[in-house]
Amino acid sequence: MKKIIFSLLLASTLIVNAQEEDKGTFTLSGTVDVYGTTNFTKDPGTPGILIANPENANAFGLGFANTVFAYEKGKAGVVADLAFGPKADDANLAGAINQLYAYYKATDKLTFTAGQFNTFLGYEVISPAANFNYTVSYLFNAGPFSHTGIKADYAVSEDLSFMLAVTNAHALTSADGNFADATQLGAQIGYKGQYLNFIAGAVDATSAKDYIFLDYTGGFDLSETFFLGINAAYVTSSDDQTGYQGAALYLQNTFSDTFALGLRPELFQYNGDANADESVTAVTLSANVSLTGNLKLITDLRFDSSDDFIIEAFPTEKSTSTLTIAAVYSF
């Protein structure tokens, strides 16, 4: 009888353990941000707020609210990143979906991903919680924001990685369809935190298919408190006779656990017959203050200048200064 009871208890323990192992891992995270902004010119607006109409970024506004649902079990998992607000309206490709993808870890080094995922180009990202500055650069606003397709990531070591991707043209939404066979081939080489990115193909359903995107993103810890980030990009299309190039530096110093100061100088230039080599410069001084482990204030004092009248939100001005204070909460 004791043997039977022991066997039943052992079987029950094994079943419970198996059920616990089969549950997988579920995580929930997200961000919320709001801002107040003003400028020192006669016209309304703020460059780099990332809304469809930057001239409407005045006084107080809503930025971005997203919730990321992630579930992983064994070698596979899914991520659903739902985002709302003016910033999300600009960046999302499918309604409220910022990202929606499934992945499979074929080996410890090789991972396949399919769906809609944020771009691998550039230094800045859509969510302000992951950016040092609140207003975004001209390089970031030039896009792309996200891609829909498949990619393969291969981690050779902790220092070296490779990525290949086949996606729709990045301006196509899931609702558009891809009737023009507008696709892109993407690649990335990463080495010790430095990334060289490449995209070739179409931009949207009506563009030429010879666009080339070259992008370098990286950074260096120059001391225990001082960091230098770098983003440089070059985009061209011979058939459409257009493109752009630019570079931005991210100089950031951490003074304490709760305060950091950063400077982002940027030069951005359109190329080709359609834009006649128009250029703009922007310098942004940003202060980050952590009020709690989840809530931080980002203050941007920004100066934009262009003799070609291409300042975002200010098409009739050669220069403008703006001040933006944002509260960003992450969980």
C-alpha atoms as a PDB file:
ATOM      1  CA  MET A   1       0.000   0.000   0.000  1.00  0.00           C
ATOM      2  CA  LYS A   2       2.866   2.365   0.879  1.00  0.00           C
ATOM      3  CA  LYS A   3       4.468   1.645  -2.480  1.00  0.00           C
ATOM      4  CA  ILE A   4       1.224   2.522  -4.259  1.00  0.00           C
ATOM      5  CA  ILE A   5       0.843   5.788  -2.335  1.00  0.00           C
ATOM      6  CA  PHE A   6       4.482   6.678  -3.008  1.00  0.00           C
ATOM      7  CA  SER A   7       4.046   5.921  -6.712  1.00  0.00           C
ATOM      8  CA  LEU A   8       0.940   8.107  -6.886  1.00  0.00           C
ATOM      9  CA  LEU A   9       2.708  10.982  -5.138  1.00  0.00           C
ATOM     10  CA  LEU A  10       5.697  10.656  -7.447  1.00  0.00           C
ATOM     11  CA  ALA A  11       3.455  10.605 -10.516  1.00  0.00           C
ATOM     12  CA  SER A  12       1.550  13.659  -9.289  1.00  0.00           C
ATOM     13  CA  THR A  13       4.821  15.532  -8.712  1.00  0.00           C
ATOM     14  CA  LEU A  14       6.044  14.688 -12.217  1.00  0.00           C
ATOM     15  CA  ILE A  15       2.747  15.817 -13.756  1.00  0.00           C
ATOM     16  CA  VAL A  16       2.805  19.134 -11.846  1.00  0.00           C
ATOM     17  CA  ASN A  17       6.420  19.751 -12.821  1.00  0.00           C
ATOM     18  CA  ALA A  18       5.640  18.957 -16.455  1.00  0.00           C
ATOM     19  CA  GLN A  19       2.680  21.331 -16.404  1.00  0.00           C
ATOM     20  CA  GLU A  20       4.830  24.091 -14.911  1.00  0.00           C
ATOM     21  CA  GLU A  21       7.447  23.531 -17.602  1.00  0.00           C
ATOM     22  CA  ASP A  22       4.770  23.688 -20.313  1.00  0.00           C
ATOM     23  CA  LYS A  23       3.408  27.047 -19.132  1.00  0.00           C
ATOM     24  CA  GLY A  24       6.165  29.035 -20.777  1.00  0.00           C
ATOM     25  CA  THR A  25       7.055  32.610 -19.841  1.00  0.00           C
ATOM     26  CA  PHE A  26       4.707  35.577 -20.196  1.00  0.00           C
ATOM     27  CA  THR A  27       5.886  39.173 -19.779  1.00  0.00           C
ATOM     28  CA  LEU A  28       4.072  42.485 -19.906  1.00  0.00           C
ATOM     29  CA  SER A  29       5.786  45.839 -20.384  1.00  0.00           C
ATOM     30  CA  GLY A  30       5.114  49.240 -21.887  1.00  0.00           C
ATOM     31  CA  THR A  31       5.594  53.011 -21.896  1.00  0.00           C
ATOM     32  CA  VAL A  32       3.534  56.186 -21.656  1.00  0.00           C
ATOM     33  CA  ASP A  33       4.720  59.711 -22.424  1.00  0.00           C
ATOM     34  CA  VAL A  34       3.236  63.210 -22.406  1.00  0.00           C
ATOM     35  CA  TYR A  35       4.912  66.534 -23.167  1.00  0.00           C
ATOM     36  CA  GLY A  36       4.738  70.286 -22.991  1.00  0.00           C
ATOM     37  CA  THR A  37       6.457  72.304 -25.722  1.00  0.00           C
ATOM     38  CA  THR A  38       6.948  75.845 -26.914  1.00  0.00           C
ATOM     39  CA  ASN A  39       9.055  77.673 -29.495  1.00  0.00           C
ATOM     40  CA  PHE A  40      10.650  81.102 -29.770  1.00  0.00           C
ATOM     41  CA  THR A  41       9.384  82.056 -33.224  1.00  0.00           C
ATOM     42  CA  LYS A  42       6.087  83.535 -34.387  1.00  0.00           C
ATOM     43  CA  ASP A  43       4.832  80.281 -35.979  1.00  0.00           C
ATOM     44  CA  PRO A  44       3.539  77.250 -34.027  1.00  0.00           C
ATOM     45  CA  GLY A  45       5.172  73.826 -33.961  1.00  0.00           C
ATOM     46  CA  THR A  46       8.130  71.776 -32.754  1.00  0.00           C
ATOM     47  CA  PRO A  47      10.491  69.754 -34.978  1.00  0.00           C
ATOM     48  CA  GLY A  48      11.079  66.119 -34.124  1.00  0.00           C
ATOM     49  CA  ILE A  49       7.988  65.393 -32.038  1.00  0.00           C
ATOM     50  CA  LEU A  50       7.172  62.687 -34.596  1.00  0.00           C
ATOM     51  CA  ILE A  51       3.561  63.469 -35.383  1.00  0.00           C
ATOM     52  CA  ALA A  52       1.925  63.704 -38.784  1.00  0.00           C
ATOM     53  CA  ASN A  53       1.541  67.474 -38.371  1.00  0.00           C
ATOM     54  CA  PRO A  54       4.529  68.785 -36.346  1.00  0.00           C
ATOM     55  CA  GLU A  55       3.156  72.315 -36.636  1.00  0.00           C
ATOM     56  CA  ASN A  56       0.387  71.180 -34.256  1.00  0.00           C
ATOM     57  CA  ALA A  57       2.850  70.248 -31.507  1.00  0.00           C
ATOM     58  CA  ASN A  58       2.136  73.179 -29.199  1.00  0.00           C
ATOM     59  CA  ALA A  59       1.539  73.646 -25.472  1.00  0.00           C
ATOM     60  CA  PHE A  60       0.667  70.214 -24.065  1.00  0.00           C
ATOM     61  CA  GLY A  61       0.270  66.982 -26.004  1.00  0.00           C
ATOM     62  CA  LEU A  62       0.111  63.224 -25.879  1.00  0.00           C
ATOM     63  CA  GLY A  63       2.961  61.220 -27.276  1.00  0.00           C
ATOM     64  CA  PHE A  64       2.942  57.466 -27.208  1.00  0.00           C
ATOM     65  CA  ALA A  65       1.303  54.730 -25.149  1.00  0.00           C
ATOM     66  CA  ASN A  66       2.244  51.135 -25.846  1.00  0.00           C
ATOM     67  CA  THR A  67       1.841  47.758 -24.219  1.00  0.00           C
ATOM     68  CA  VAL A  68       4.108  44.872 -25.157  1.00  0.00           C
ATOM     69  CA  PHE A  69       2.803  41.325 -24.647  1.00  0.00           C
ATOM     70  CA  ALA A  70       5.479  38.636 -24.975  1.00  0.00           C
ATOM     71  CA  TYR A  71       5.200  34.880 -24.551  1.00  0.00           C
ATOM     72  CA  GLU A  72       7.959  32.307 -24.920  1.00  0.00           C
ATOM     73  CA  LYS A  73       7.786  28.547 -24.617  1.00  0.00           C
ATOM     74  CA  GLY A  74      10.689  26.319 -25.496  1.00  0.00           C
ATOM     75  CA  LYS A  75      12.412  27.500 -28.660  1.00  0.00           C
ATOM     76  CA  ALA A  76       9.558  29.695 -29.918  1.00  0.00           C
ATOM     77  CA  GLY A  77       7.801  32.863 -28.870  1.00  0.00           C
ATOM     78  CA  VAL A  78       5.599  35.763 -29.954  1.00  0.00           C
ATOM     79  CA  VAL A  79       5.607  39.516 -29.345  1.00  0.00           C
ATOM     80  CA  ALA A  80       2.600  41.822 -29.705  1.00  0.00           C
ATOM     81  CA  ASP A  81       3.433  45.510 -29.274  1.00  0.00           C
ATOM     82  CA  LEU A  82       0.282  47.639 -29.371  1.00  0.00           C
ATOM     83  CA  ALA A  83       0.792  51.404 -29.562  1.00  0.00           C
ATOM     84  CA  PHE A  84      -1.573  54.377 -29.509  1.00  0.00           C
ATOM     85  CA  GLY A  85      -1.232  58.150 -29.751  1.00  0.00           C
ATOM     86  CA  PRO A  86       0.054  60.729 -32.276  1.00  0.00           C
ATOM     87  CA  LYS A  87       3.560  59.223 -32.379  1.00  0.00           C
ATOM     88  CA  ALA A  88       2.147  55.748 -32.902  1.00  0.00           C
ATOM     89  CA  ASP A  89      -0.122  56.981 -35.687  1.00  0.00           C
ATOM     90  CA  ASP A  90       2.988  58.063 -37.600  1.00  0.00           C
ATOM     91  CA  ALA A  91       5.019  54.939 -36.982  1.00  0.00           C
ATOM     92  CA  ASN A  92       2.558  52.049 -37.011  1.00  0.00           C
ATOM     93  CA  LEU A  93       2.087  50.101 -40.238  1.00  0.00           C
ATOM     94  CA  ALA A  94      -1.102  48.280 -39.241  1.00  0.00           C
ATOM     95  CA  GLY A  95      -3.631  50.141 -37.109  1.00  0.00           C
ATOM     96  CA  ALA A  96      -2.585  49.986 -33.454  1.00  0.00           C
ATOM     97  CA  ILE A  97       0.191  47.463 -34.120  1.00  0.00           C
ATOM     98  CA  ASN A  98       3.716  48.719 -33.630  1.00  0.00           C
ATOM     99  CA  GLN A  99       5.221  45.236 -33.718  1.00  0.00           C
ATOM    100  CA  LEU A 100       3.714  41.798 -34.154  1.00  0.00           C
ATOM    101  CA  TYR A 101       5.996  38.848 -34.812  1.00  0.00           C
ATOM    102  CA  ALA A 102       6.814  35.253 -33.990  1.00  0.00           C
ATOM    103  CA  TYR A 103      10.315  33.838 -33.609  1.00  0.00           C
ATOM    104  CA  TYR A 104      11.979  30.451 -33.508  1.00  0.00           C
ATOM    105  CA  LYS A 105      15.391  29.721 -31.986  1.00  0.00           C
ATOM    106  CA  ALA A 106      16.702  27.043 -34.308  1.00  0.00           C
ATOM    107  CA  THR A 107      19.943  26.875 -32.312  1.00  0.00           C
ATOM    108  CA  ASP A 108      21.589  28.839 -29.517  1.00  0.00           C
ATOM    109  CA  LYS A 109      23.049  31.084 -32.220  1.00  0.00           C
ATOM    110  CA  LEU A 110      20.397  31.174 -34.989  1.00  0.00           C
ATOM    111  CA  THR A 111      16.966  32.829 -34.617  1.00  0.00           C
ATOM    112  CA  PHE A 112      14.279  33.243 -37.282  1.00  0.00           C
ATOM    113  CA  THR A 113      11.669  36.030 -36.981  1.00  0.00           C
ATOM    114  CA  ALA A 114       8.525  36.569 -39.064  1.00  0.00           C
ATOM    115  CA  GLY A 115       6.029  39.422 -38.906  1.00  0.00           C
ATOM    116  CA  GLN A 116       6.274  43.177 -38.348  1.00  0.00           C
ATOM    117  CA  PHE A 117       9.300  44.363 -36.381  1.00  0.00           C
ATOM    118  CA  ASN A 118      10.946  47.744 -35.745  1.00  0.00           C
ATOM    119  CA  THR A 119      13.740  48.716 -38.087  1.00  0.00           C
ATOM    120  CA  PHE A 120      17.342  47.729 -37.514  1.00  0.00           C
ATOM    121  CA  LEU A 121      18.551  51.031 -39.019  1.00  0.00           C
ATOM    122  CA  GLY A 122      19.458  54.072 -36.975  1.00  0.00           C
ATOM    123  CA  TYR A 123      20.394  55.015 -33.441  1.00  0.00           C
ATOM    124  CA  GLU A 124      16.974  56.089 -32.177  1.00  0.00           C
ATOM    125  CA  VAL A 125      13.790  54.036 -31.776  1.00  0.00           C
ATOM    126  CA  ILE A 126      10.066  54.778 -31.734  1.00  0.00           C
ATOM    127  CA  SER A 127       9.543  54.454 -27.971  1.00  0.00           C
ATOM    128  CA  PRO A 128      10.899  57.537 -26.123  1.00  0.00           C
ATOM    129  CA  ALA A 129      11.704  55.398 -23.078  1.00  0.00           C
ATOM    130  CA  ALA A 130      14.675  53.954 -24.983  1.00  0.00           C
ATOM    131  CA  ASN A 131      15.933  57.304 -26.334  1.00  0.00           C
ATOM    132  CA  PHE A 132      18.089  59.836 -24.503  1.00  0.00           C
ATOM    133  CA  ASN A 133      16.541  62.770 -26.397  1.00  0.00           C
ATOM    134  CA  TYR A 134      12.787  63.263 -26.568  1.00  0.00           C
ATOM    135  CA  THR A 135      12.580  64.985 -29.958  1.00  0.00           C
ATOM    136  CA  VAL A 136      13.930  62.765 -32.705  1.00  0.00           C
ATOM    137  CA  SER A 137      16.573  63.438 -35.338  1.00  0.00           C
ATOM    138  CA  TYR A 138      16.000  64.161 -39.028  1.00  0.00           C
ATOM    139  CA  LEU A 139      17.721  60.850 -39.752  1.00  0.00           C
ATOM    140  CA  PHE A 140      15.136  59.008 -37.684  1.00  0.00           C
ATOM    141  CA  ASN A 141      12.202  60.885 -39.191  1.00  0.00           C
ATOM    142  CA  ALA A 142      13.459  60.009 -42.683  1.00  0.00           C
ATOM    143  CA  GLY A 143      12.639  56.383 -41.829  1.00  0.00           C
ATOM    144  CA  PRO A 144      12.126  53.538 -42.078  1.00  0.00           C
ATOM    145  CA  PHE A 145      10.328  52.851 -38.785  1.00  0.00           C
ATOM    146  CA  SER A 146       9.335  49.184 -39.185  1.00  0.00           C
ATOM    147  CA  HIS A 147       9.491  46.275 -41.621  1.00  0.00           C
ATOM    148  CA  THR A 148       7.088  43.448 -42.454  1.00  0.00           C
ATOM    149  CA  GLY A 149       8.693  40.199 -43.545  1.00  0.00           C
ATOM    150  CA  ILE A 150      11.195  37.642 -42.292  1.00  0.00           C
ATOM    151  CA  LYS A 151      14.730  37.842 -40.932  1.00  0.00           C
ATOM    152  CA  ALA A 152      17.441  35.542 -39.618  1.00  0.00           C
ATOM    153  CA  ASP A 153      19.826  36.582 -36.836  1.00  0.00           C
ATOM    154  CA  TYR A 154      23.053  34.650 -36.280  1.00  0.00           C
ATOM    155  CA  ALA A 155      25.224  35.338 -33.229  1.00  0.00           C
ATOM    156  CA  VAL A 156      28.705  34.052 -33.979  1.00  0.00           C
ATOM    157  CA  SER A 157      29.881  35.145 -30.531  1.00  0.00           C
ATOM    158  CA  GLU A 158      29.127  37.775 -27.911  1.00  0.00           C
ATOM    159  CA  ASP A 159      30.959  40.292 -30.105  1.00  0.00           C
ATOM    160  CA  LEU A 160      30.052  39.301 -33.674  1.00  0.00           C
ATOM    161  CA  SER A 161      26.593  38.932 -35.254  1.00  0.00           C
ATOM    162  CA  PHE A 162      24.964  38.804 -38.681  1.00  0.00           C
ATOM    163  CA  MET A 163      21.403  39.432 -39.877  1.00  0.00           C
ATOM    164  CA  LEU A 164      19.599  38.913 -43.188  1.00  0.00           C
ATOM    165  CA  ALA A 165      16.047  40.098 -43.936  1.00  0.00           C
ATOM    166  CA  VAL A 166      13.521  39.966 -46.783  1.00  0.00           C
ATOM    167  CA  THR A 167      10.634  42.392 -46.275  1.00  0.00           C
ATOM    168  CA  ASN A 168       8.019  44.492 -47.992  1.00  0.00           C
ATOM    169  CA  ALA A 169       8.980  48.010 -48.981  1.00  0.00           C
ATOM    170  CA  HIS A 170       8.982  49.767 -45.631  1.00  0.00           C
ATOM    171  CA  ALA A 171       6.266  52.306 -46.512  1.00  0.00           C
ATOM    172  CA  LEU A 172       3.733  49.541 -47.280  1.00  0.00           C
ATOM    173  CA  THR A 173       1.175  48.819 -44.586  1.00  0.00           C
ATOM    174  CA  SER A 174      -0.420  45.429 -44.055  1.00  0.00           C
ATOM    175  CA  ALA A 175      -3.649  46.864 -45.444  1.00  0.00           C
ATOM    176  CA  ASP A 176      -2.004  48.026 -48.684  1.00  0.00           C
ATOM    177  CA  GLY A 177      -1.100  44.667 -50.153  1.00  0.00           C
ATOM    178  CA  ASN A 178       2.053  44.299 -52.230  1.00  0.00           C
ATOM    179  CA  PHE A 179       0.696  44.108 -55.753  1.00  0.00           C
ATOM    180  CA  ALA A 180       3.769  45.813 -57.260  1.00  0.00           C
ATOM    181  CA  ASP A 181       6.183  43.282 -55.750  1.00  0.00           C
ATOM    182  CA  ALA A 182       7.842  46.125 -53.841  1.00  0.00           C
ATOM    183  CA  THR A 183      10.338  44.348 -51.612  1.00  0.00           C
ATOM    184  CA  GLN A 184      13.599  44.988 -49.796  1.00  0.00           C
ATOM    185  CA  LEU A 185      16.667  42.933 -48.960  1.00  0.00           C
ATOM    186  CA  GLY A 186      18.274  43.894 -45.657  1.00  0.00           C
ATOM    187  CA  ALA A 187      21.494  42.923 -43.906  1.00  0.00           C
ATOM    188  CA  GLN A 188      23.431  43.809 -40.787  1.00  0.00           C
ATOM    189  CA  ILE A 189      26.897  43.124 -39.422  1.00  0.00           C
ATOM    190  CA  GLY A 190      27.451  43.794 -35.737  1.00  0.00           C
ATOM    191  CA  TYR A 191      30.797  43.833 -33.957  1.00  0.00           C
ATOM    192  CA  LYS A 192      31.319  44.925 -30.353  1.00  0.00           C
ATOM    193  CA  GLY A 193      28.349  47.293 -30.338  1.00  0.00           C
ATOM    194  CA  GLN A 194      29.035  48.751 -33.789  1.00  0.00           C
ATOM    195  CA  TYR A 195      26.518  47.992 -36.540  1.00  0.00           C
ATOM    196  CA  LEU A 196      26.727  48.369 -40.319  1.00  0.00           C
ATOM    197  CA  ASN A 197      23.282  48.168 -41.906  1.00  0.00           C
ATOM    198  CA  PHE A 198      22.220  47.748 -45.534  1.00  0.00           C
ATOM    199  CA  ILE A 199      18.886  47.798 -47.406  1.00  0.00           C
ATOM    200  CA  ALA A 200      18.270  47.486 -51.153  1.00  0.00           C
ATOM    201  CA  GLY A 201      14.950  47.612 -52.990  1.00  0.00           C
ATOM    202  CA  ALA A 202      11.791  49.707 -53.240  1.00  0.00           C
ATOM    203  CA  VAL A 203      10.529  52.259 -50.730  1.00  0.00           C
ATOM    204  CA  ASP A 204       6.827  51.992 -51.574  1.00  0.00           C
ATOM    205  CA  ALA A 205       4.521  50.596 -54.244  1.00  0.00           C
ATOM    206  CA  THR A 206       5.249  53.375 -56.751  1.00  0.00           C
ATOM    207  CA  SER A 207       8.955  54.024 -56.150  1.00  0.00           C
ATOM    208  CA  ALA A 208      11.916  52.766 -58.132  1.00  0.00           C
ATOM    209  CA  LYS A 209      13.390  49.498 -56.948  1.00  0.00           C
ATOM    210  CA  ASP A 210      17.024  50.562 -56.902  1.00  0.00           C
ATOM    211  CA  TYR A 211      17.095  52.350 -53.534  1.00  0.00           C
ATOM    212  CA  ILE A 212      20.214  51.727 -51.456  1.00  0.00           C
ATOM    213  CA  PHE A 213      20.340  52.431 -47.702  1.00  0.00           C
ATOM    214  CA  LEU A 214      23.711  52.417 -45.939  1.00  0.00           C
ATOM    215  CA  ASP A 215      23.653  53.064 -42.215  1.00  0.00           C
ATOM    216  CA  TYR A 216      26.228  52.969 -39.431  1.00  0.00           C
ATOM    217  CA  THR A 217      25.128  52.949 -35.797  1.00  0.00           C
ATOM    218  CA  GLY A 218      27.437  52.562 -32.839  1.00  0.00           C
ATOM    219  CA  GLY A 219      28.982  54.079 -29.776  1.00  0.00           C
ATOM    220  CA  PHE A 220      31.894  54.093 -27.384  1.00  0.00           C
ATOM    221  CA  ASP A 221      32.292  54.470 -23.630  1.00  0.00           C
ATOM    222  CA  LEU A 222      35.007  57.135 -23.474  1.00  0.00           C
ATOM    223  CA  SER A 223      35.009  56.994 -19.673  1.00  0.00           C
ATOM    224  CA  GLU A 224      32.966  55.509 -16.847  1.00  0.00           C
ATOM    225  CA  THR A 225      30.450  58.342 -17.182  1.00  0.00           C
ATOM    226  CA  PHE A 226      30.843  59.678 -20.744  1.00  0.00           C
ATOM    227  CA  PHE A 227      29.380  57.966 -23.826  1.00  0.00           C
ATOM    228  CA  LEU A 228      29.696  58.887 -27.501  1.00  0.00           C
ATOM    229  CA  GLY A 229      27.039  57.554 -29.872  1.00  0.00           C
ATOM    230  CA  ILE A 230      27.226  57.845 -33.660  1.00  0.00           C
ATOM    231  CA  ASN A 231      24.697  57.500 -36.469  1.00  0.00           C
ATOM    232  CA  ALA A 232      25.537  58.111 -40.138  1.00  0.00           C
ATOM    233  CA  ALA A 233      23.415  57.256 -43.172  1.00  0.00           C
ATOM    234  CA  TYR A 234      23.462  57.513 -46.946  1.00  0.00           C
ATOM    235  CA  VAL A 235      20.431  56.786 -49.166  1.00  0.00           C
ATOM    236  CA  THR A 236      20.254  57.015 -52.952  1.00  0.00           C
ATOM    237  CA  SER A 237      18.165  56.043 -55.979  1.00  0.00           C
ATOM    238  CA  SER A 238      19.453  56.654 -59.504  1.00  0.00           C
ATOM    239  CA  ASP A 239      16.088  55.949 -61.121  1.00  0.00           C
ATOM    240  CA  ASP A 240      14.162  58.335 -58.852  1.00  0.00           C
ATOM    241  CA  GLN A 241      17.109  60.770 -58.711  1.00  0.00           C
ATOM    242  CA  THR A 242      16.732  61.337 -55.001  1.00  0.00           C
ATOM    243  CA  GLY A 243      18.124  60.376 -51.620  1.00  0.00           C
ATOM    244  CA  TYR A 244      19.626  61.830 -48.478  1.00  0.00           C
ATOM    245  CA  GLN A 245      22.644  61.687 -46.229  1.00  0.00           C
ATOM    246  CA  GLY A 246      23.379  62.765 -42.698  1.00  0.00           C
ATOM    247  CA  ALA A 247      25.210  62.231 -39.451  1.00  0.00           C
ATOM    248  CA  ALA A 248      24.421  62.738 -35.779  1.00  0.00           C
ATOM    249  CA  LEU A 249      26.544  62.491 -32.645  1.00  0.00           C
ATOM    250  CA  TYR A 250      25.181  61.574 -29.221  1.00  0.00           C
ATOM    251  CA  LEU A 251      27.385  62.947 -26.433  1.00  0.00           C
ATOM    252  CA  GLN A 252      26.050  61.872 -23.051  1.00  0.00           C
ATOM    253  CA  ASN A 253      27.467  62.245 -19.547  1.00  0.00           C
ATOM    254  CA  THR A 254      25.970  60.585 -16.479  1.00  0.00           C
ATOM    255  CA  PHE A 255      26.525  62.756 -13.410  1.00  0.00           C
ATOM    256  CA  SER A 256      24.608  60.588 -10.934  1.00  0.00           C
ATOM    257  CA  ASP A 257      22.076  57.772 -10.753  1.00  0.00           C
ATOM    258  CA  THR A 258      19.314  60.315 -11.338  1.00  0.00           C
ATOM    259  CA  PHE A 259      20.804  62.960 -13.654  1.00  0.00           C
ATOM    260  CA  ALA A 260      22.440  62.898 -17.093  1.00  0.00           C
ATOM    261  CA  LEU A 261      23.126  65.544 -19.717  1.00  0.00           C
ATOM    262  CA  GLY A 262      23.517  65.042 -23.460  1.00  0.00           C
ATOM    263  CA  LEU A 263      24.171  66.953 -26.682  1.00  0.00           C
ATOM    264  CA  ARG A 264      23.055  65.810 -30.147  1.00  0.00           C
ATOM    265  CA  PRO A 265      24.485  67.786 -33.103  1.00  0.00           C
ATOM    266  CA  GLU A 266      23.139  66.691 -36.504  1.00  0.00           C
ATOM    267  CA  LEU A 267      23.641  67.528 -40.163  1.00  0.00           C
ATOM    268  CA  PHE A 268      21.062  66.281 -42.669  1.00  0.00           C
ATOM    269  CA  GLN A 269      20.994  66.821 -46.449  1.00  0.00           C
ATOM    270  CA  TYR A 270      18.614  65.814 -49.233  1.00  0.00           C
ATOM    271  CA  ASN A 271      20.256  64.797 -52.508  1.00  0.00           C
ATOM    272  CA  GLY A 272      19.114  64.608 -56.121  1.00  0.00           C
ATOM    273  CA  ASP A 273      17.313  66.760 -58.658  1.00  0.00           C
ATOM    274  CA  ALA A 274      14.038  66.688 -56.744  1.00  0.00           C
ATOM    275  CA  ASN A 275      15.538  68.324 -53.631  1.00  0.00           C
ATOM    276  CA  ALA A 276      18.513  70.281 -55.049  1.00  0.00           C
ATOM    277  CA  ASP A 277      20.867  69.367 -52.197  1.00  0.00           C
ATOM    278  CA  GLU A 278      18.909  71.073 -49.441  1.00  0.00           C
ATOM    279  CA  SER A 279      20.364  70.804 -45.934  1.00  0.00           C
ATOM    280  CA  VAL A 280      19.446  71.429 -42.300  1.00  0.00           C
ATOM    281  CA  THR A 281      21.388  71.346 -39.039  1.00  0.00           C
ATOM    282  CA  ALA A 282      19.966  70.699 -35.581  1.00  0.00           C
ATOM    283  CA  VAL A 283      21.587  70.851 -32.143  1.00  0.00           C
ATOM    284  CA  THR A 284      19.695  69.425 -29.171  1.00  0.00           C
ATOM    285  CA  LEU A 285      20.711  69.769 -25.526  1.00  0.00           C
ATOM    286  CA  SER A 286      18.891  67.196 -23.386  1.00  0.00           C
ATOM    287  CA  ALA A 287      18.659  66.659 -19.641  1.00  0.00           C
ATOM    288  CA  ASN A 288      17.415  63.361 -18.173  1.00  0.00           C
ATOM    289  CA  VAL A 289      16.127  63.365 -14.598  1.00  0.00           C
ATOM    290  CA  SER A 290      14.977  60.066 -13.064  1.00  0.00           C
ATOM    291  CA  LEU A 291      12.251  60.820 -10.533  1.00  0.00           C
ATOM    292  CA  THR A 292      11.733  57.121  -9.787  1.00  0.00           C
ATOM    293  CA  GLY A 293      12.914  53.838 -11.243  1.00  0.00           C
ATOM    294  CA  ASN A 294      10.060  54.055 -13.770  1.00  0.00           C
ATOM    295  CA  LEU A 295       9.453  57.774 -14.337  1.00  0.00           C
ATOM    296  CA  LYS A 296      11.884  60.207 -15.938  1.00  0.00           C
ATOM    297  CA  LEU A 297      11.719  63.772 -17.202  1.00  0.00           C
ATOM    298  CA  ILE A 298      13.417  64.628 -20.509  1.00  0.00           C
ATOM    299  CA  THR A 299      14.049  68.289 -21.295  1.00  0.00           C
ATOM    300  CA  ASP A 300      15.088  69.187 -24.859  1.00  0.00           C
ATOM    301  CA  LEU A 301      16.386  72.630 -25.803  1.00  0.00           C
ATOM    302  CA  ARG A 302      16.706  72.471 -29.584  1.00  0.00           C
ATOM    303  CA  PHE A 303      17.987  74.800 -32.300  1.00  0.00           C
ATOM    304  CA  ASP A 304      17.307  74.073 -36.003  1.00  0.00           C
ATOM    305  CA  SER A 305      18.833  76.018 -38.893  1.00  0.00           C
ATOM    306  CA  SER A 306      18.436  75.803 -42.691  1.00  0.00           C
ATOM    307  CA  ASP A 307      19.118  78.339 -45.430  1.00  0.00           C
ATOM    308  CA  ASP A 308      17.008  76.107 -47.679  1.00  0.00           C
ATOM    309  CA  PHE A 309      13.836  76.493 -45.583  1.00  0.00           C
ATOM    310  CA  ILE A 310      13.409  72.774 -44.800  1.00  0.00           C
ATOM    311  CA  ILE A 311      13.090  72.920 -41.005  1.00  0.00           C
ATOM    312  CA  GLU A 312      10.361  70.520 -39.980  1.00  0.00           C
ATOM    313  CA  ALA A 313       7.160  72.446 -39.146  1.00  0.00           C
ATOM    314  CA  PHE A 314       8.775  75.768 -40.164  1.00  0.00           C
ATOM    315  CA  PRO A 315       8.882  75.988 -43.986  1.00  0.00           C
ATOM    316  CA  THR A 316       9.199  79.796 -43.941  1.00  0.00           C
ATOM    317  CA  GLU A 317      11.940  80.102 -41.297  1.00  0.00           C
ATOM    318  CA  LYS A 318      15.715  79.841 -41.585  1.00  0.00           C
ATOM    319  CA  SER A 319      16.097  79.043 -37.894  1.00  0.00           C
ATOM    320  CA  THR A 320      14.034  78.238 -34.847  1.00  0.00           C
ATOM    321  CA  SER A 321      14.493  77.354 -31.185  1.00  0.00           C
ATOM    322  CA  THR A 322      12.181  75.080 -29.216  1.00  0.00           C
ATOM    323  CA  LEU A 323      11.861  73.886 -25.630  1.00  0.00           C
ATOM    324  CA  THR A 324      10.162  70.583 -24.797  1.00  0.00           C
ATOM    325  CA  ILE A 325       9.700  68.915 -21.405  1.00  0.00           C
ATOM    326  CA  ALA A 326       8.349  65.346 -21.431  1.00  0.00           C
ATOM    327  CA  ALA A 327       7.388  62.860 -18.743  1.00  0.00           C
ATOM    328  CA  VAL A 328       8.125  59.274 -19.771  1.00  0.00           C
ATOM    329  CA  TYR A 329       6.923  56.309 -17.699  1.00  0.00           C
ATOM    330  CA  SER A 330       8.019  52.750 -18.407  1.00  0.00           C
ATOM    331  CA  PHE A 331       6.938  49.506 -16.771  1.00  0.00           C
END
